[in-house]
Amino acid sequence: MPRPANSYALDYLSIPDLYQAVWRHRVFVILMTFALVGAVWVLTARQQKVYTASTLVRIVQSADANNPSDVIQGLDAGQRLAQTYARIARTKTIRNEIYNQLQGRVGLNRIDISASPVQDLELLTISAKHRSPGVAAEVANAAPNALSSFVKRSSTPHEQIIVVERASVPDTPSAPRLKLNLALALVLGLVLNSLLALVAEIFQDPLPSPNELEGLLGQPVLATVPKLEFAQQKASVPARRGKSAGKRGVERELAGAASRLGRQRQERETRSGPDVPPPASETARR
């Protein structure tokens, strides 16, 4: 089965050839990359900004300070409790408690709480997201009190929620990340547009040149089919007039060739003489 023409270009393209192909299309790559970066910048600028505020708390279980084993067991229990309360903080119960503590100043659907334990420590980070940085900090600072209320209602007084660091009003939004999005758009634009340039290069030049074929195959090239180029009309002549003039020119050439063939045929007949039959009287005598 014959191979596609452009598969030969894929076989014999080296790394320098790839660089040269991209360099020949550098204007296309640069323009398309800047267009992608600009589009990402516009889309990111139109997105709603979201701010995140975080509060750091410590989960403590009461233990006898004079008993070292109780202290160690309390630390281990604190680590496990941090993981437990990280899951509890994301429940609707805690959101309702925060809503009540804020006296409805923040809508229940607007309270977005997440929590994650600090690895191998009895610490818990509680984060709140909101479009307003002040509201995000207010919700994050209300979360420890909501957890403490939950502890009291659950009849586990030996577990305590201690605030280590209160949330402050964030200065910069956590989303969308404009710099990160622009950096990703720049990298992806360069990669994708370079691939498009390579594809265009392969399809524009599917076969190697005769010299390259001789070097690759070790055999001389016997013949090549030249690229057909048709005469172009002057720039001042409209395209339709150029097409009609070209068609009339072809017709005139065909008519001239036919007339030349006719004249040549007449000349041959004149030189050989016409085949005239003898008179009727001579035929009767005979």
C-alpha atoms as a PDB file:
ATOM      1  CA  MET A   1       0.000   0.000   0.000  1.00  0.00           C
ATOM      2  CA  PRO A   2       1.555   3.354  -0.978  1.00  0.00           C
ATOM      3  CA  ARG A   3       2.432   5.764   1.784  1.00  0.00           C
ATOM      4  CA  PRO A   4       0.966   9.267   1.970  1.00  0.00           C
ATOM      5  CA  ALA A   5       3.143  11.950   0.477  1.00  0.00           C
ATOM      6  CA  ASN A   6       3.478  13.934   3.680  1.00  0.00           C
ATOM      7  CA  SER A   7       4.697  10.868   5.625  1.00  0.00           C
ATOM      8  CA  TYR A   8       8.120  11.215   3.986  1.00  0.00           C
ATOM      9  CA  ALA A   9       8.434  14.702   5.445  1.00  0.00           C
ATOM     10  CA  LEU A  10       7.733  13.320   8.900  1.00  0.00           C
ATOM     11  CA  ASP A  11      10.456  10.673   8.492  1.00  0.00           C
ATOM     12  CA  TYR A  12      13.219  13.047   7.425  1.00  0.00           C
ATOM     13  CA  LEU A  13      12.487  16.096   9.600  1.00  0.00           C
ATOM     14  CA  SER A  14      15.331  16.568  12.058  1.00  0.00           C
ATOM     15  CA  ILE A  15      15.387  18.791  15.128  1.00  0.00           C
ATOM     16  CA  PRO A  16      17.143  21.667  13.284  1.00  0.00           C
ATOM     17  CA  ASP A  17      14.511  21.381  10.557  1.00  0.00           C
ATOM     18  CA  LEU A  18      11.787  21.712  13.177  1.00  0.00           C
ATOM     19  CA  TYR A  19      13.394  24.825  14.613  1.00  0.00           C
ATOM     20  CA  GLN A  20      13.758  26.309  11.151  1.00  0.00           C
ATOM     21  CA  ALA A  21      10.132  25.530  10.329  1.00  0.00           C
ATOM     22  CA  VAL A  22       8.942  27.273  13.488  1.00  0.00           C
ATOM     23  CA  TRP A  23      11.255  30.201  12.828  1.00  0.00           C
ATOM     24  CA  ARG A  24       9.852  30.623   9.313  1.00  0.00           C
ATOM     25  CA  HIS A  25       6.380  30.931  10.839  1.00  0.00           C
ATOM     26  CA  ARG A  26       7.497  33.048  13.808  1.00  0.00           C
ATOM     27  CA  VAL A  27       5.168  35.915  12.923  1.00  0.00           C
ATOM     28  CA  PHE A  28       2.156  33.579  12.942  1.00  0.00           C
ATOM     29  CA  VAL A  29       3.247  31.968  16.226  1.00  0.00           C
ATOM     30  CA  ILE A  30       3.827  35.314  17.962  1.00  0.00           C
ATOM     31  CA  LEU A  31       0.599  36.926  16.768  1.00  0.00           C
ATOM     32  CA  MET A  32      -1.584  33.930  17.632  1.00  0.00           C
ATOM     33  CA  THR A  33       0.072  33.577  21.053  1.00  0.00           C
ATOM     34  CA  PHE A  34      -0.514  37.231  21.893  1.00  0.00           C
ATOM     35  CA  ALA A  35      -4.100  36.880  20.689  1.00  0.00           C
ATOM     36  CA  LEU A  36      -4.627  33.921  23.058  1.00  0.00           C
ATOM     37  CA  VAL A  37      -3.029  35.775  25.978  1.00  0.00           C
ATOM     38  CA  GLY A  38      -5.205  38.813  25.278  1.00  0.00           C
ATOM     39  CA  ALA A  39      -8.362  36.694  25.162  1.00  0.00           C
ATOM     40  CA  VAL A  40      -7.460  35.026  28.474  1.00  0.00           C
ATOM     41  CA  TRP A  41      -6.771  38.426  30.043  1.00  0.00           C
ATOM     42  CA  VAL A  42     -10.166  39.771  28.944  1.00  0.00           C
ATOM     43  CA  LEU A  43     -12.030  36.675  30.173  1.00  0.00           C
ATOM     44  CA  THR A  44     -10.182  36.684  33.508  1.00  0.00           C
ATOM     45  CA  ALA A  45     -10.799  40.399  34.046  1.00  0.00           C
ATOM     46  CA  ARG A  46     -14.538  39.870  33.562  1.00  0.00           C
ATOM     47  CA  GLN A  47     -14.757  37.134  36.196  1.00  0.00           C
ATOM     48  CA  GLN A  48     -16.014  37.950  39.685  1.00  0.00           C
ATOM     49  CA  LYS A  49     -13.223  38.302  42.244  1.00  0.00           C
ATOM     50  CA  VAL A  50     -13.329  35.986  45.249  1.00  0.00           C
ATOM     51  CA  TYR A  51     -11.455  36.616  48.521  1.00  0.00           C
ATOM     52  CA  THR A  52     -10.355  33.986  51.045  1.00  0.00           C
ATOM     53  CA  ALA A  53      -9.761  34.548  54.770  1.00  0.00           C
ATOM     54  CA  SER A  54      -8.395  31.861  57.110  1.00  0.00           C
ATOM     55  CA  THR A  55      -8.475  31.275  60.873  1.00  0.00           C
ATOM     56  CA  LEU A  56      -6.087  28.920  62.669  1.00  0.00           C
ATOM     57  CA  VAL A  57      -7.496  27.031  65.673  1.00  0.00           C
ATOM     58  CA  ARG A  58      -6.225  24.341  68.006  1.00  0.00           C
ATOM     59  CA  ILE A  59      -8.235  21.301  69.039  1.00  0.00           C
ATOM     60  CA  VAL A  60      -7.397  20.389  72.644  1.00  0.00           C
ATOM     61  CA  GLN A  61      -8.599  17.444  74.698  1.00  0.00           C
ATOM     62  CA  SER A  62      -8.413  17.806  78.466  1.00  0.00           C
ATOM     63  CA  ALA A  63      -5.674  15.675  80.074  1.00  0.00           C
ATOM     64  CA  ASP A  64      -3.802  15.433  83.352  1.00  0.00           C
ATOM     65  CA  ALA A  65      -0.663  17.552  82.956  1.00  0.00           C
ATOM     66  CA  ASN A  66       1.107  15.554  85.688  1.00  0.00           C
ATOM     67  CA  ASN A  67       0.709  12.286  83.786  1.00  0.00           C
ATOM     68  CA  PRO A  68       2.995  12.116  80.708  1.00  0.00           C
ATOM     69  CA  SER A  69       1.039   9.272  79.171  1.00  0.00           C
ATOM     70  CA  ASP A  70      -2.171  11.312  79.360  1.00  0.00           C
ATOM     71  CA  VAL A  71      -0.422  14.239  77.686  1.00  0.00           C
ATOM     72  CA  ILE A  72       0.805  12.051  74.792  1.00  0.00           C
ATOM     73  CA  GLN A  73      -2.614  10.482  74.399  1.00  0.00           C
ATOM     74  CA  GLY A  74      -4.137  13.980  74.413  1.00  0.00           C
ATOM     75  CA  LEU A  75      -1.858  15.056  71.574  1.00  0.00           C
ATOM     76  CA  ASP A  76      -2.760  12.000  69.507  1.00  0.00           C
ATOM     77  CA  ALA A  77      -6.419  12.590  70.218  1.00  0.00           C
ATOM     78  CA  GLY A  78      -6.038  16.242  69.217  1.00  0.00           C
ATOM     79  CA  GLN A  79      -4.656  15.227  65.804  1.00  0.00           C
ATOM     80  CA  ARG A  80      -7.571  12.873  65.222  1.00  0.00           C
ATOM     81  CA  LEU A  81     -10.035  15.478  66.436  1.00  0.00           C
ATOM     82  CA  ALA A  82      -8.575  18.030  63.998  1.00  0.00           C
ATOM     83  CA  GLN A  83      -9.433  15.687  61.147  1.00  0.00           C
ATOM     84  CA  THR A  84     -12.886  15.094  62.584  1.00  0.00           C
ATOM     85  CA  TYR A  85     -13.683  18.774  63.056  1.00  0.00           C
ATOM     86  CA  ALA A  86     -12.372  19.544  59.557  1.00  0.00           C
ATOM     87  CA  ARG A  87     -15.226  17.417  58.256  1.00  0.00           C
ATOM     88  CA  ILE A  88     -17.725  18.869  60.716  1.00  0.00           C
ATOM     89  CA  ALA A  89     -16.837  22.443  59.763  1.00  0.00           C
ATOM     90  CA  ARG A  90     -18.068  21.828  56.207  1.00  0.00           C
ATOM     91  CA  THR A  91     -21.510  20.659  57.279  1.00  0.00           C
ATOM     92  CA  LYS A  92     -24.743  22.609  57.003  1.00  0.00           C
ATOM     93  CA  THR A  93     -25.068  22.604  60.800  1.00  0.00           C
ATOM     94  CA  ILE A  94     -21.987  24.795  61.206  1.00  0.00           C
ATOM     95  CA  ARG A  95     -23.137  27.085  58.390  1.00  0.00           C
ATOM     96  CA  ASN A  96     -26.472  27.568  60.129  1.00  0.00           C
ATOM     97  CA  GLU A  97     -24.664  28.344  63.382  1.00  0.00           C
ATOM     98  CA  ILE A  98     -22.491  30.959  61.639  1.00  0.00           C
ATOM     99  CA  TYR A  99     -25.588  32.453  60.025  1.00  0.00           C
ATOM    100  CA  ASN A 100     -27.214  32.818  63.443  1.00  0.00           C
ATOM    101  CA  GLN A 101     -24.092  34.334  65.020  1.00  0.00           C
ATOM    102  CA  LEU A 102     -23.863  36.934  62.242  1.00  0.00           C
ATOM    103  CA  GLN A 103     -27.588  37.673  62.752  1.00  0.00           C
ATOM    104  CA  GLY A 104     -28.379  37.159  59.087  1.00  0.00           C
ATOM    105  CA  ARG A 105     -25.990  39.827  57.801  1.00  0.00           C
ATOM    106  CA  VAL A 106     -24.606  37.220  55.387  1.00  0.00           C
ATOM    107  CA  GLY A 107     -26.965  35.021  53.412  1.00  0.00           C
ATOM    108  CA  LEU A 108     -26.893  31.340  54.214  1.00  0.00           C
ATOM    109  CA  ASN A 109     -26.145  30.496  50.578  1.00  0.00           C
ATOM    110  CA  ARG A 110     -23.230  32.961  50.639  1.00  0.00           C
ATOM    111  CA  ILE A 111     -21.438  31.188  53.497  1.00  0.00           C
ATOM    112  CA  ASP A 112     -18.675  29.091  51.936  1.00  0.00           C
ATOM    113  CA  ILE A 113     -16.591  27.298  54.592  1.00  0.00           C
ATOM    114  CA  SER A 114     -13.735  24.831  54.166  1.00  0.00           C
ATOM    115  CA  ALA A 115     -11.332  23.329  56.718  1.00  0.00           C
ATOM    116  CA  SER A 116      -8.136  21.322  56.556  1.00  0.00           C
ATOM    117  CA  PRO A 117      -6.024  19.901  59.406  1.00  0.00           C
ATOM    118  CA  VAL A 118      -2.341  20.758  59.656  1.00  0.00           C
ATOM    119  CA  GLN A 119      -0.365  17.570  59.100  1.00  0.00           C
ATOM    120  CA  ASP A 120       0.753  15.757  62.298  1.00  0.00           C
ATOM    121  CA  LEU A 121      -0.471  18.631  64.494  1.00  0.00           C
ATOM    122  CA  GLU A 122      -3.619  19.332  66.464  1.00  0.00           C
ATOM    123  CA  LEU A 123      -4.211  22.472  64.426  1.00  0.00           C
ATOM    124  CA  LEU A 124      -7.069  23.205  62.078  1.00  0.00           C
ATOM    125  CA  THR A 125      -7.232  25.868  59.363  1.00  0.00           C
ATOM    126  CA  ILE A 126     -10.743  27.198  58.678  1.00  0.00           C
ATOM    127  CA  SER A 127     -11.170  29.223  55.489  1.00  0.00           C
ATOM    128  CA  ALA A 128     -14.096  31.299  54.241  1.00  0.00           C
ATOM    129  CA  LYS A 129     -14.638  32.574  50.680  1.00  0.00           C
ATOM    130  CA  HIS A 130     -16.732  35.568  49.688  1.00  0.00           C
ATOM    131  CA  ARG A 131     -16.862  38.321  47.092  1.00  0.00           C
ATOM    132  CA  SER A 132     -16.257  40.889  49.835  1.00  0.00           C
ATOM    133  CA  PRO A 133     -12.933  40.611  51.700  1.00  0.00           C
ATOM    134  CA  GLY A 134     -14.460  41.970  54.906  1.00  0.00           C
ATOM    135  CA  VAL A 135     -17.308  39.471  54.873  1.00  0.00           C
ATOM    136  CA  ALA A 136     -14.847  36.627  54.224  1.00  0.00           C
ATOM    137  CA  ALA A 137     -12.849  37.592  57.328  1.00  0.00           C
ATOM    138  CA  GLU A 138     -16.025  37.965  59.410  1.00  0.00           C
ATOM    139  CA  VAL A 139     -17.287  34.514  58.451  1.00  0.00           C
ATOM    140  CA  ALA A 140     -13.888  32.901  59.102  1.00  0.00           C
ATOM    141  CA  ASN A 141     -13.709  34.453  62.599  1.00  0.00           C
ATOM    142  CA  ALA A 142     -17.243  33.284  63.378  1.00  0.00           C
ATOM    143  CA  ALA A 143     -16.440  29.659  62.511  1.00  0.00           C
ATOM    144  CA  PRO A 144     -14.504  28.819  65.754  1.00  0.00           C
ATOM    145  CA  ASN A 145     -17.401  30.064  67.878  1.00  0.00           C
ATOM    146  CA  ALA A 146     -19.772  27.926  65.810  1.00  0.00           C
ATOM    147  CA  LEU A 147     -17.599  24.876  66.451  1.00  0.00           C
ATOM    148  CA  SER A 148     -17.447  25.652  70.176  1.00  0.00           C
ATOM    149  CA  SER A 149     -21.237  25.866  70.285  1.00  0.00           C
ATOM    150  CA  PHE A 150     -21.437  22.513  68.537  1.00  0.00           C
ATOM    151  CA  VAL A 151     -19.048  20.998  71.131  1.00  0.00           C
ATOM    152  CA  LYS A 152     -21.198  22.253  74.006  1.00  0.00           C
ATOM    153  CA  ARG A 153     -24.378  20.883  72.468  1.00  0.00           C
ATOM    154  CA  SER A 154     -22.748  17.498  71.800  1.00  0.00           C
ATOM    155  CA  SER A 155     -21.937  17.011  75.526  1.00  0.00           C
ATOM    156  CA  THR A 156     -18.166  16.748  75.008  1.00  0.00           C
ATOM    157  CA  PRO A 157     -16.851  19.458  77.377  1.00  0.00           C
ATOM    158  CA  HIS A 158     -13.374  17.899  77.527  1.00  0.00           C
ATOM    159  CA  GLU A 159     -12.779  19.049  73.923  1.00  0.00           C
ATOM    160  CA  GLN A 160     -11.863  22.698  73.477  1.00  0.00           C
ATOM    161  CA  ILE A 161     -11.549  24.981  70.431  1.00  0.00           C
ATOM    162  CA  ILE A 162      -8.804  27.557  70.950  1.00  0.00           C
ATOM    163  CA  VAL A 163      -8.213  30.322  68.423  1.00  0.00           C
ATOM    164  CA  VAL A 164      -4.517  30.555  67.587  1.00  0.00           C
ATOM    165  CA  GLU A 165      -4.701  33.245  64.874  1.00  0.00           C
ATOM    166  CA  ARG A 166      -7.738  35.234  63.816  1.00  0.00           C
ATOM    167  CA  ALA A 167      -8.478  35.883  60.179  1.00  0.00           C
ATOM    168  CA  SER A 168      -7.500  39.241  58.718  1.00  0.00           C
ATOM    169  CA  VAL A 169      -9.081  41.054  55.806  1.00  0.00           C
ATOM    170  CA  PRO A 170      -7.352  39.807  52.615  1.00  0.00           C
ATOM    171  CA  ASP A 171      -5.771  42.367  50.304  1.00  0.00           C
ATOM    172  CA  THR A 172      -5.689  40.349  47.088  1.00  0.00           C
ATOM    173  CA  PRO A 173      -8.311  38.006  45.628  1.00  0.00           C
ATOM    174  CA  SER A 174      -7.704  34.274  45.683  1.00  0.00           C
ATOM    175  CA  ALA A 175      -9.570  33.816  42.404  1.00  0.00           C
ATOM    176  CA  PRO A 176      -9.302  34.323  39.534  1.00  0.00           C
ATOM    177  CA  ARG A 177      -5.519  34.111  39.383  1.00  0.00           C
ATOM    178  CA  LEU A 178      -4.659  36.524  36.618  1.00  0.00           C
ATOM    179  CA  LYS A 179      -0.882  35.983  36.582  1.00  0.00           C
ATOM    180  CA  LEU A 180      -1.207  32.201  36.618  1.00  0.00           C
ATOM    181  CA  ASN A 181      -3.785  32.233  33.822  1.00  0.00           C
ATOM    182  CA  LEU A 182      -1.651  34.528  31.665  1.00  0.00           C
ATOM    183  CA  ALA A 183       1.447  32.378  32.211  1.00  0.00           C
ATOM    184  CA  LEU A 184      -0.450  29.221  31.248  1.00  0.00           C
ATOM    185  CA  ALA A 185      -1.935  30.947  28.194  1.00  0.00           C
ATOM    186  CA  LEU A 186       1.536  32.067  27.091  1.00  0.00           C
ATOM    187  CA  VAL A 187       3.047  28.591  27.401  1.00  0.00           C
ATOM    188  CA  LEU A 188       0.097  26.810  25.791  1.00  0.00           C
ATOM    189  CA  GLY A 189      -0.069  29.398  23.019  1.00  0.00           C
ATOM    190  CA  LEU A 190       3.583  28.940  22.112  1.00  0.00           C
ATOM    191  CA  VAL A 191       3.296  25.152  22.132  1.00  0.00           C
ATOM    192  CA  LEU A 192       0.034  24.880  20.194  1.00  0.00           C
ATOM    193  CA  ASN A 193       0.904  27.537  17.625  1.00  0.00           C
ATOM    194  CA  SER A 194       4.317  25.959  17.057  1.00  0.00           C
ATOM    195  CA  LEU A 195       2.586  22.637  16.380  1.00  0.00           C
ATOM    196  CA  LEU A 196       0.256  24.358  13.911  1.00  0.00           C
ATOM    197  CA  ALA A 197       3.271  25.902  12.191  1.00  0.00           C
ATOM    198  CA  LEU A 198       4.911  22.464  11.891  1.00  0.00           C
ATOM    199  CA  VAL A 199       1.732  20.954  10.442  1.00  0.00           C
ATOM    200  CA  ALA A 200       1.519  23.767   7.907  1.00  0.00           C
ATOM    201  CA  GLU A 201       5.179  23.241   7.003  1.00  0.00           C
ATOM    202  CA  ILE A 202       4.655  19.520   6.445  1.00  0.00           C
ATOM    203  CA  PHE A 203       1.656  19.993   4.173  1.00  0.00           C
ATOM    204  CA  GLN A 204       3.316  22.813   2.244  1.00  0.00           C
ATOM    205  CA  ASP A 205       6.383  20.698   1.448  1.00  0.00           C
ATOM    206  CA  PRO A 206       5.253  17.033   1.389  1.00  0.00           C
ATOM    207  CA  LEU A 207       8.192  15.675  -0.650  1.00  0.00           C
ATOM    208  CA  PRO A 208      11.904  16.372  -0.393  1.00  0.00           C
ATOM    209  CA  SER A 209      13.824  18.089  -3.176  1.00  0.00           C
ATOM    210  CA  PRO A 210      15.526  16.078  -5.972  1.00  0.00           C
ATOM    211  CA  ASN A 211      18.931  16.539  -4.343  1.00  0.00           C
ATOM    212  CA  GLU A 212      17.594  15.262  -1.036  1.00  0.00           C
ATOM    213  CA  LEU A 213      15.996  12.272  -2.760  1.00  0.00           C
ATOM    214  CA  GLU A 214      19.292  11.392  -4.448  1.00  0.00           C
ATOM    215  CA  GLY A 215      21.099  11.626  -1.126  1.00  0.00           C
ATOM    216  CA  LEU A 216      18.509   9.515   0.684  1.00  0.00           C
ATOM    217  CA  LEU A 217      17.996   6.821  -1.961  1.00  0.00           C
ATOM    218  CA  GLY A 218      21.474   6.762  -3.487  1.00  0.00           C
ATOM    219  CA  GLN A 219      19.974   6.797  -7.004  1.00  0.00           C
ATOM    220  CA  PRO A 220      19.855   9.587  -9.573  1.00  0.00           C
ATOM    221  CA  VAL A 221      16.569  11.334 -10.277  1.00  0.00           C
ATOM    222  CA  LEU A 222      15.623  10.654 -13.906  1.00  0.00           C
ATOM    223  CA  ALA A 223      12.854  13.238 -14.284  1.00  0.00           C
ATOM    224  CA  THR A 224      10.817  15.713 -12.320  1.00  0.00           C
ATOM    225  CA  VAL A 225       7.412  17.255 -12.929  1.00  0.00           C
ATOM    226  CA  PRO A 226       7.766  21.035 -12.825  1.00  0.00           C
ATOM    227  CA  LYS A 227       5.322  23.242 -10.999  1.00  0.00           C
ATOM    228  CA  LEU A 228       2.816  24.702 -13.440  1.00  0.00           C
ATOM    229  CA  GLU A 229       2.473  28.439 -13.202  1.00  0.00           C
ATOM    230  CA  PHE A 230      -0.106  30.299 -15.221  1.00  0.00           C
ATOM    231  CA  ALA A 231       0.471  33.794 -16.485  1.00  0.00           C
ATOM    232  CA  GLN A 232      -1.025  36.460 -14.273  1.00  0.00           C
ATOM    233  CA  GLN A 233      -2.877  39.457 -15.627  1.00  0.00           C
ATOM    234  CA  LYS A 234      -1.830  42.935 -14.668  1.00  0.00           C
ATOM    235  CA  ALA A 235      -2.979  44.199 -11.304  1.00  0.00           C
ATOM    236  CA  SER A 236      -5.040  46.983 -12.857  1.00  0.00           C
ATOM    237  CA  VAL A 237      -7.213  44.540 -14.834  1.00  0.00           C
ATOM    238  CA  PRO A 238     -10.142  43.124 -12.849  1.00  0.00           C
ATOM    239  CA  ALA A 239     -10.135  39.424 -12.105  1.00  0.00           C
ATOM    240  CA  ARG A 240     -13.149  38.647 -14.292  1.00  0.00           C
ATOM    241  CA  ARG A 241     -11.663  40.432 -17.277  1.00  0.00           C
ATOM    242  CA  GLY A 242      -8.451  38.534 -16.733  1.00  0.00           C
ATOM    243  CA  LYS A 243     -10.295  35.194 -16.757  1.00  0.00           C
ATOM    244  CA  SER A 244     -12.270  36.043 -19.903  1.00  0.00           C
ATOM    245  CA  ALA A 245      -9.163  37.379 -21.653  1.00  0.00           C
ATOM    246  CA  GLY A 246      -7.293  34.201 -20.807  1.00  0.00           C
ATOM    247  CA  LYS A 247     -10.153  32.076 -22.187  1.00  0.00           C
ATOM    248  CA  ARG A 248     -10.287  34.111 -25.404  1.00  0.00           C
ATOM    249  CA  GLY A 249      -6.537  33.752 -25.766  1.00  0.00           C
ATOM    250  CA  VAL A 250      -6.807  29.965 -25.506  1.00  0.00           C
ATOM    251  CA  GLU A 251      -9.584  29.957 -28.106  1.00  0.00           C
ATOM    252  CA  ARG A 252      -7.494  32.085 -30.475  1.00  0.00           C
ATOM    253  CA  GLU A 253      -4.534  29.752 -30.065  1.00  0.00           C
ATOM    254  CA  LEU A 254      -6.722  26.734 -30.858  1.00  0.00           C
ATOM    255  CA  ALA A 255      -8.211  28.462 -33.909  1.00  0.00           C
ATOM    256  CA  GLY A 256      -4.746  29.451 -35.136  1.00  0.00           C
ATOM    257  CA  ALA A 257      -3.484  25.898 -34.726  1.00  0.00           C
ATOM    258  CA  ALA A 258      -6.473  24.554 -36.673  1.00  0.00           C
ATOM    259  CA  SER A 259      -5.926  27.061 -39.501  1.00  0.00           C
ATOM    260  CA  ARG A 260      -2.234  26.180 -39.692  1.00  0.00           C
ATOM    261  CA  LEU A 261      -3.075  22.498 -39.972  1.00  0.00           C
ATOM    262  CA  GLY A 262      -5.534  23.290 -42.792  1.00  0.00           C
ATOM    263  CA  ARG A 263      -2.972  25.309 -44.741  1.00  0.00           C
ATOM    264  CA  GLN A 264      -0.360  22.602 -44.352  1.00  0.00           C
ATOM    265  CA  ARG A 265      -2.810  20.028 -45.707  1.00  0.00           C
ATOM    266  CA  GLN A 266      -3.639  22.201 -48.732  1.00  0.00           C
ATOM    267  CA  GLU A 267       0.036  22.732 -49.481  1.00  0.00           C
ATOM    268  CA  ARG A 268       0.669  18.987 -49.436  1.00  0.00           C
ATOM    269  CA  GLU A 269      -2.222  18.378 -51.818  1.00  0.00           C
ATOM    270  CA  THR A 270      -0.999  21.142 -54.174  1.00  0.00           C
ATOM    271  CA  ARG A 271       2.492  19.700 -54.362  1.00  0.00           C
ATOM    272  CA  SER A 272       1.234  16.187 -55.105  1.00  0.00           C
ATOM    273  CA  GLY A 273      -1.386  17.378 -57.645  1.00  0.00           C
ATOM    274  CA  PRO A 274      -5.102  16.576 -57.673  1.00  0.00           C
ATOM    275  CA  ASP A 275      -6.358  13.217 -58.889  1.00  0.00           C
ATOM    276  CA  VAL A 276      -8.456  14.438 -61.959  1.00  0.00           C
ATOM    277  CA  PRO A 277     -10.525  11.738 -63.862  1.00  0.00           C
ATOM    278  CA  PRO A 278     -10.073  11.506 -67.802  1.00  0.00           C
ATOM    279  CA  PRO A 279     -12.737  12.999 -70.144  1.00  0.00           C
ATOM    280  CA  ALA A 280     -15.742  10.835 -71.190  1.00  0.00           C
ATOM    281  CA  SER A 281     -14.832  10.837 -74.940  1.00  0.00           C
ATOM    282  CA  GLU A 282     -11.446   9.309 -74.260  1.00  0.00           C
ATOM    283  CA  THR A 283     -13.056   6.698 -72.156  1.00  0.00           C
ATOM    284  CA  ALA A 284     -15.452   5.778 -75.010  1.00  0.00           C
ATOM    285  CA  ARG A 285     -12.609   5.450 -77.563  1.00  0.00           C
ATOM    286  CA  ARG A 286     -10.830   3.115 -75.307  1.00  0.00           C
END
